[in-house]
Protein backbone atom coordinates (compact mmCIF):
# COMPACT_ATOMS: atom_id res chain seq x y z
CA MET A 1 97.73 -11.41 46.63
CA SER A 2 97.24 -7.72 47.45
CA ASP A 3 97.36 -4.85 44.98
CA GLY A 4 100.65 -3.75 46.51
CA GLU A 5 102.17 -7.18 45.98
CA ASP A 6 100.95 -7.23 42.35
CA THR A 7 102.53 -3.83 41.74
CA GLY A 8 105.79 -4.89 43.34
CA ARG A 9 105.93 -8.07 41.29
CA ALA A 10 105.28 -6.15 38.04
CA ARG A 11 108.02 -3.69 38.95
CA ASP A 12 110.44 -6.53 39.67
CA ARG A 13 109.60 -8.24 36.39
CA LEU A 14 110.30 -5.04 34.44
CA LYS A 15 113.71 -4.80 36.13
CA GLN A 16 114.37 -8.45 35.28
CA LEU A 17 113.31 -8.03 31.66
CA ARG A 18 115.42 -4.91 31.29
CA ALA A 19 118.47 -6.72 32.67
CA PHE A 20 117.80 -9.74 30.45
CA CYS A 21 117.27 -7.70 27.27
CA HIS A 22 120.39 -5.59 27.65
CA ALA A 23 122.50 -8.64 28.53
CA ALA A 24 121.19 -10.30 25.36
CA ARG A 25 121.78 -7.21 23.24
CA LEU A 26 125.33 -6.68 24.52
CA GLU A 27 126.15 -10.40 24.87
CA SER A 28 127.59 -9.69 28.30
CA MET A 29 126.31 -9.43 31.88
CA SER A 30 129.03 -6.95 32.82
CA LYS A 31 128.33 -4.67 29.83
CA ALA A 32 124.62 -4.78 30.67
CA ALA A 33 125.50 -3.83 34.24
CA ASP A 34 127.52 -0.83 33.02
CA HIS A 35 124.66 0.23 30.76
CA LEU A 36 122.11 0.00 33.58
CA SER A 37 124.42 1.45 36.26
CA LEU A 38 124.20 -1.78 38.26
CA THR A 39 126.68 -4.37 39.46
CA GLN A 40 127.30 -7.50 37.42
CA PRO A 41 125.99 -9.79 40.21
CA ALA A 42 122.77 -7.73 40.33
CA VAL A 43 122.17 -8.24 36.60
CA SER A 44 122.93 -11.96 36.88
CA GLN A 45 120.51 -12.27 39.79
CA GLN A 46 117.74 -10.55 37.79
CA VAL A 47 118.27 -12.96 34.90
CA ARG A 48 118.33 -16.01 37.19
CA ALA A 49 115.05 -14.90 38.79
CA LEU A 50 113.48 -14.67 35.34
CA GLU A 51 114.80 -18.12 34.37
CA LYS A 52 113.41 -19.57 37.60
CA GLU A 53 109.97 -18.05 36.97
CA PHE A 54 109.80 -19.42 33.41
CA SER A 55 111.60 -22.70 34.18
CA ALA A 56 113.94 -22.10 31.26
CA THR A 57 117.58 -21.32 30.49
CA PHE A 58 118.00 -18.15 28.46
CA PHE A 59 121.78 -17.96 27.98
CA GLU A 60 124.70 -20.22 27.31
CA ARG A 61 128.31 -19.14 27.55
CA ARG A 62 130.65 -19.26 24.54
CA GLY A 63 134.08 -18.10 25.59
CA PRO A 64 133.87 -14.50 26.83
CA ARG A 65 130.39 -14.03 25.34
CA ILE A 66 126.94 -15.15 26.35
CA VAL A 67 124.50 -16.12 23.63
CA LEU A 68 120.77 -16.69 23.68
CA THR A 69 119.28 -20.16 23.75
CA PRO A 70 116.16 -20.77 21.60
CA ALA A 71 114.02 -19.98 24.66
CA GLY A 72 116.03 -16.81 25.21
CA GLU A 73 115.57 -15.77 21.56
CA SER A 74 111.81 -16.12 21.91
CA LEU A 75 111.66 -14.06 25.09
CA TYR A 76 113.98 -11.41 23.66
CA HIS A 77 111.79 -10.76 20.63
CA ILE A 78 108.74 -10.50 22.88
CA ALA A 79 110.30 -8.43 25.64
CA MET A 80 112.67 -5.99 23.92
CA PRO A 81 109.92 -3.85 22.30
CA LEU A 82 108.20 -3.68 25.69
CA VAL A 83 111.39 -2.60 27.44
CA ARG A 84 112.11 0.03 24.78
CA GLY A 85 108.52 1.23 25.02
CA MET A 86 108.69 1.60 28.79
CA ASP A 87 112.07 3.35 28.63
CA ARG A 88 110.72 6.02 26.31
CA LEU A 89 107.22 6.25 27.82
CA PRO A 90 107.55 9.95 28.83
CA ASP A 91 108.54 10.94 25.27
CA THR A 92 105.72 8.86 23.79
CA PHE A 93 103.16 10.45 26.11
CA THR A 94 104.36 13.94 25.14
CA GLU A 95 104.24 13.08 21.45
CA VAL A 96 100.76 11.56 21.50
CA PHE A 97 98.91 13.78 23.96
CA GLY A 98 100.93 16.92 23.55
CA ASP A 99 100.66 16.73 19.73
CA GLU A 100 104.40 17.23 19.58
CA THR A 101 106.90 15.39 17.44
CA SER A 102 110.23 15.56 19.22
CA GLY A 103 113.11 13.45 20.48
CA GLU A 104 115.58 11.42 18.45
CA VAL A 105 115.20 9.18 15.41
CA ARG A 106 117.84 6.46 15.10
CA VAL A 107 118.42 5.37 11.50
CA VAL A 108 120.86 2.91 9.97
CA ALA A 109 121.47 3.02 6.24
CA GLY A 110 123.84 1.76 3.59
CA MET A 111 126.30 4.15 1.99
CA THR A 112 124.17 4.61 -1.14
CA ALA A 113 120.99 5.45 0.78
CA SER A 114 122.90 7.70 3.21
CA THR A 115 124.60 9.64 0.42
CA PHE A 116 122.08 9.83 -2.40
CA LEU A 117 118.61 9.26 -0.91
CA LEU A 118 118.25 10.32 2.70
CA PRO A 119 119.45 13.96 2.45
CA GLN A 120 116.57 15.09 0.22
CA TYR A 121 113.99 13.60 2.58
CA LEU A 122 115.72 14.89 5.69
CA ARG A 123 115.59 18.41 4.30
CA ASP A 124 111.79 18.23 4.01
CA PHE A 125 111.44 16.44 7.35
CA ARG A 126 113.56 18.97 9.22
CA THR A 127 111.47 21.79 7.79
CA SER A 128 108.32 20.23 9.28
CA TYR A 129 109.87 18.90 12.50
CA PRO A 130 112.85 21.08 13.48
CA GLY A 131 112.81 19.77 17.07
CA VAL A 132 113.74 16.20 16.08
CA ARG A 133 117.35 15.01 16.18
CA ILE A 134 118.51 12.46 13.61
CA SER A 135 121.14 9.88 14.58
CA LEU A 136 122.43 8.15 11.44
CA ARG A 137 124.69 5.11 11.31
CA THR A 138 126.14 4.09 7.95
CA THR A 139 126.98 0.41 7.63
CA GLY A 140 126.41 -2.72 5.57
CA LEU A 141 123.07 -4.51 5.25
CA ALA A 142 123.85 -7.40 7.62
CA GLU A 143 125.07 -5.11 10.40
CA GLY A 144 122.11 -2.79 9.84
CA LEU A 145 119.62 -5.62 10.26
CA ARG A 146 121.42 -6.75 13.43
CA LEU A 147 121.11 -3.26 14.87
CA LEU A 148 117.42 -3.29 13.98
CA TYR A 149 116.86 -6.67 15.64
CA ASP A 150 118.69 -5.44 18.74
CA ARG A 151 116.54 -2.27 18.84
CA GLU A 152 119.66 -0.13 18.56
CA VAL A 153 117.95 1.77 15.73
CA ASP A 154 114.34 2.60 14.89
CA PHE A 155 114.51 1.55 11.26
CA SER A 156 116.90 0.63 8.47
CA LEU A 157 117.06 2.24 5.04
CA GLY A 158 118.40 0.66 1.88
CA ALA A 159 117.96 -1.81 -0.95
CA VAL A 160 116.83 -5.24 0.22
CA GLU A 161 116.33 -8.36 -1.88
CA SER A 162 115.21 -10.70 0.90
CA LEU A 163 114.45 -10.22 4.58
CA PRO A 164 114.71 -12.37 7.69
CA GLU A 165 111.44 -13.38 9.31
CA GLY A 166 109.75 -10.71 11.40
CA LEU A 167 110.91 -7.67 9.44
CA GLU A 168 108.78 -5.53 7.12
CA PHE A 169 110.01 -3.77 3.97
CA HIS A 170 108.24 -0.60 2.81
CA PRO A 171 109.62 0.45 -0.60
CA PHE A 172 109.56 4.04 -1.83
CA ARG A 173 112.11 4.35 -4.63
CA GLU A 174 113.20 2.12 -7.51
CA SER A 175 116.57 2.68 -9.14
CA ARG A 176 117.73 1.19 -12.43
CA TYR A 177 121.35 0.67 -13.45
CA VAL A 178 122.72 3.05 -16.07
CA LEU A 179 125.97 3.04 -18.01
CA ILE A 180 128.19 6.05 -17.32
CA THR A 181 131.34 7.18 -19.13
CA HIS A 182 133.65 10.16 -19.32
CA PRO A 183 131.88 12.97 -21.26
CA ASP A 184 134.32 12.58 -24.20
CA HIS A 185 134.28 8.78 -24.30
CA PRO A 186 133.76 7.16 -27.75
CA LEU A 187 130.68 5.31 -26.44
CA THR A 188 128.85 8.64 -26.19
CA ARG A 189 128.77 8.67 -30.01
CA VAL A 190 127.37 5.19 -30.71
CA GLY A 191 123.70 5.86 -29.98
CA GLU A 192 122.66 2.78 -27.97
CA ALA A 193 125.59 0.75 -26.64
CA SER A 194 125.45 -2.98 -27.36
CA PRO A 195 126.98 -5.76 -25.22
CA ARG A 196 129.87 -5.94 -27.70
CA ASP A 197 130.42 -2.17 -27.49
CA ILE A 198 130.56 -2.34 -23.68
CA ALA A 199 132.83 -5.39 -23.62
CA ALA A 200 135.44 -3.50 -25.64
CA TRP A 201 136.16 -1.09 -22.78
CA PRO A 202 137.60 -1.52 -19.28
CA LEU A 203 135.04 -1.45 -16.48
CA ILE A 204 135.10 -0.05 -12.96
CA LEU A 205 133.31 -2.74 -10.96
CA PRO A 206 132.15 -3.29 -7.39
CA ARG A 207 134.01 -5.93 -5.44
CA ARG A 208 133.16 -9.61 -5.84
CA GLY A 209 130.34 -10.84 -3.63
CA THR A 210 128.15 -7.76 -4.06
CA SER A 211 124.79 -7.94 -5.81
CA ALA A 212 125.88 -5.26 -8.29
CA ARG A 213 128.97 -7.27 -9.27
CA ALA A 214 126.86 -10.42 -9.65
CA ALA A 215 124.46 -8.53 -11.95
CA ALA A 216 127.32 -7.39 -14.20
CA GLU A 217 128.75 -10.91 -14.40
CA LEU A 218 125.31 -12.34 -15.17
CA VAL A 219 124.82 -9.94 -18.08
CA ALA A 220 128.28 -10.76 -19.45
CA ARG A 221 127.57 -14.49 -19.37
CA HIS A 222 124.14 -14.00 -20.94
CA PHE A 223 125.59 -12.21 -23.95
CA GLY A 224 128.71 -14.35 -24.20
CA THR A 225 131.12 -11.50 -23.46
CA HIS A 226 133.98 -11.10 -21.02
CA LEU A 227 134.42 -8.28 -18.52
CA LYS A 228 137.55 -6.17 -18.84
CA VAL A 229 138.11 -5.11 -15.27
CA ALA A 230 140.12 -1.92 -14.83
CA VAL A 231 139.48 -1.38 -11.11
CA GLU A 232 137.61 -3.27 -8.39
CA THR A 233 136.48 -1.03 -5.57
CA GLY A 234 133.62 -0.24 -3.21
CA GLY A 235 131.20 2.67 -3.10
CA TRP A 236 129.42 4.33 -5.99
CA THR A 237 131.05 7.69 -5.28
CA VAL A 238 134.49 6.12 -5.67
CA ILE A 239 133.43 4.31 -8.85
CA LYS A 240 132.13 7.56 -10.32
CA SER A 241 135.40 9.31 -9.51
CA PHE A 242 137.32 6.78 -11.63
CA VAL A 243 134.85 7.22 -14.50
CA GLU A 244 135.21 11.02 -14.24
CA ARG A 245 138.95 10.57 -14.78
CA ASP A 246 138.39 8.26 -17.76
CA VAL A 247 139.92 5.20 -16.08
CA GLY A 248 137.00 3.09 -17.28
CA ILE A 249 133.22 2.88 -17.70
CA ALA A 250 130.70 1.64 -15.13
CA PHE A 251 127.14 0.61 -14.42
CA VAL A 252 125.77 2.49 -11.41
CA PRO A 253 122.27 3.03 -9.92
CA ASP A 254 120.67 6.09 -11.52
CA ILE A 255 120.07 7.67 -8.10
CA CYS A 256 123.85 8.07 -7.82
CA VAL A 257 124.15 10.31 -10.89
CA GLY A 258 123.30 13.99 -10.58
CA GLU A 259 123.00 16.69 -13.23
CA GLN A 260 126.23 18.30 -12.05
CA ASP A 261 128.32 15.11 -12.17
CA PRO A 262 131.04 15.28 -14.86
CA VAL A 263 130.00 11.97 -16.41
CA ARG A 264 127.68 11.03 -19.26
CA ILE A 265 124.84 8.49 -19.12
CA VAL A 266 125.07 6.38 -22.27
CA PRO A 267 121.85 4.70 -23.52
CA THR A 268 122.11 0.94 -23.85
CA GLU A 269 120.18 -1.55 -25.91
CA GLU A 270 116.91 -2.53 -24.29
CA ARG A 271 117.97 -6.18 -24.07
CA ILE A 272 120.71 -5.18 -21.62
CA ALA A 273 118.28 -3.40 -19.29
CA ASP A 274 116.01 -6.45 -19.46
CA GLN A 275 118.78 -8.52 -17.84
CA ILE A 276 119.51 -6.15 -14.94
CA ARG A 277 116.82 -6.01 -12.28
CA PRO A 278 116.21 -2.54 -10.78
CA MET A 279 117.05 -2.02 -7.11
CA SER A 280 114.17 -1.25 -4.74
CA TYR A 281 114.99 1.08 -1.85
CA GLY A 282 112.81 1.32 1.23
CA ALA A 283 112.47 1.37 5.00
CA VAL A 284 112.89 -1.84 6.99
CA VAL A 285 111.08 -1.95 10.33
CA TYR A 286 110.53 -4.42 13.15
CA ARG A 287 107.25 -4.28 15.05
CA PRO A 288 106.07 -0.96 13.51
CA GLU A 289 103.50 -0.52 16.28
CA PHE A 290 106.39 0.27 18.65
CA LEU A 291 107.96 2.95 16.45
CA PRO A 292 108.37 6.38 18.09
CA LEU A 293 106.16 9.00 16.52
CA ALA A 294 109.14 10.95 15.16
CA ALA A 295 110.50 7.85 13.41
CA ARG A 296 107.06 7.13 11.96
CA ARG A 297 106.82 10.70 10.64
CA LEU A 298 110.24 10.43 8.98
CA ILE A 299 109.27 7.18 7.28
CA GLN A 300 106.02 8.78 6.12
CA THR A 301 108.06 11.53 4.48
CA MET A 302 109.48 8.79 2.24
CA VAL A 303 106.57 6.31 2.28
CA PRO A 304 103.38 8.41 2.43
CA ASP A 305 101.10 5.40 2.95
CA PHE A 306 103.11 4.07 5.91
CA PRO A 307 100.47 3.43 8.60
CA ASN A 308 99.98 5.46 11.75
CA ALA A 309 100.29 3.70 15.10
CA PRO A 310 97.19 1.70 16.12
CA LEU A 311 95.17 3.31 18.88
């Protein structure tokens, strides 16, 4: 085979892999075609050519969607970083050889990390790299990890207790739960609040099914007390707003409480803190060697020992 034929075959394979990866990501041949400015038959033909070369079936149809087969899953995880890398090759070249950190960093984060953690690091990052744009999506953990797997974002930011295979967690901040009350609440005058003291007052609690709600229920069971639930809601900012208005008391991560907040942190007995595990916040990445330089620099603002890209 001549050099020209080798080059042509490599170019065709890149087109096929790009069509395959975007069809997998979007779960649709037609949506992939729109994304790539191609026709739907052209995308389907590229995928069929790839299946013929590998003697495998990569998709199966489920109603209006297409989903990956096990063989398709394997190829997707191998090929998607390569496709993303080729798509942003000009930016990468400029960053590495032009000694310039530029472009866009795509981040997904939970509401807590977006509100109470990321802004302080972005301020420092923007001072050092004013030419970088930050695209932030705020969503739940499961959706954030899906976006990361699909290479829709560069990294995820938040508190993670367990991770799916293939992802790396780089922690940078630990947050413990603290008890907050209205500034004039009677608990502010008891010294260290005991489980019995806390059980006497209505609580503002996260919704059922959250790790924070499970922690509160675990502590109550451990000390043989019952929770008096005043309000069930979502979001630490909302919970704090109810405490500010003296609707109830609440346990919240300490990163959510600022000096200017009109609430009071009430010390609790050490045995209570021993039952509530601190939350560890960090950056979640997939295949860190494929991270854009700007994304790597932002992570290093938070995680100073995060590694540089291998040469």
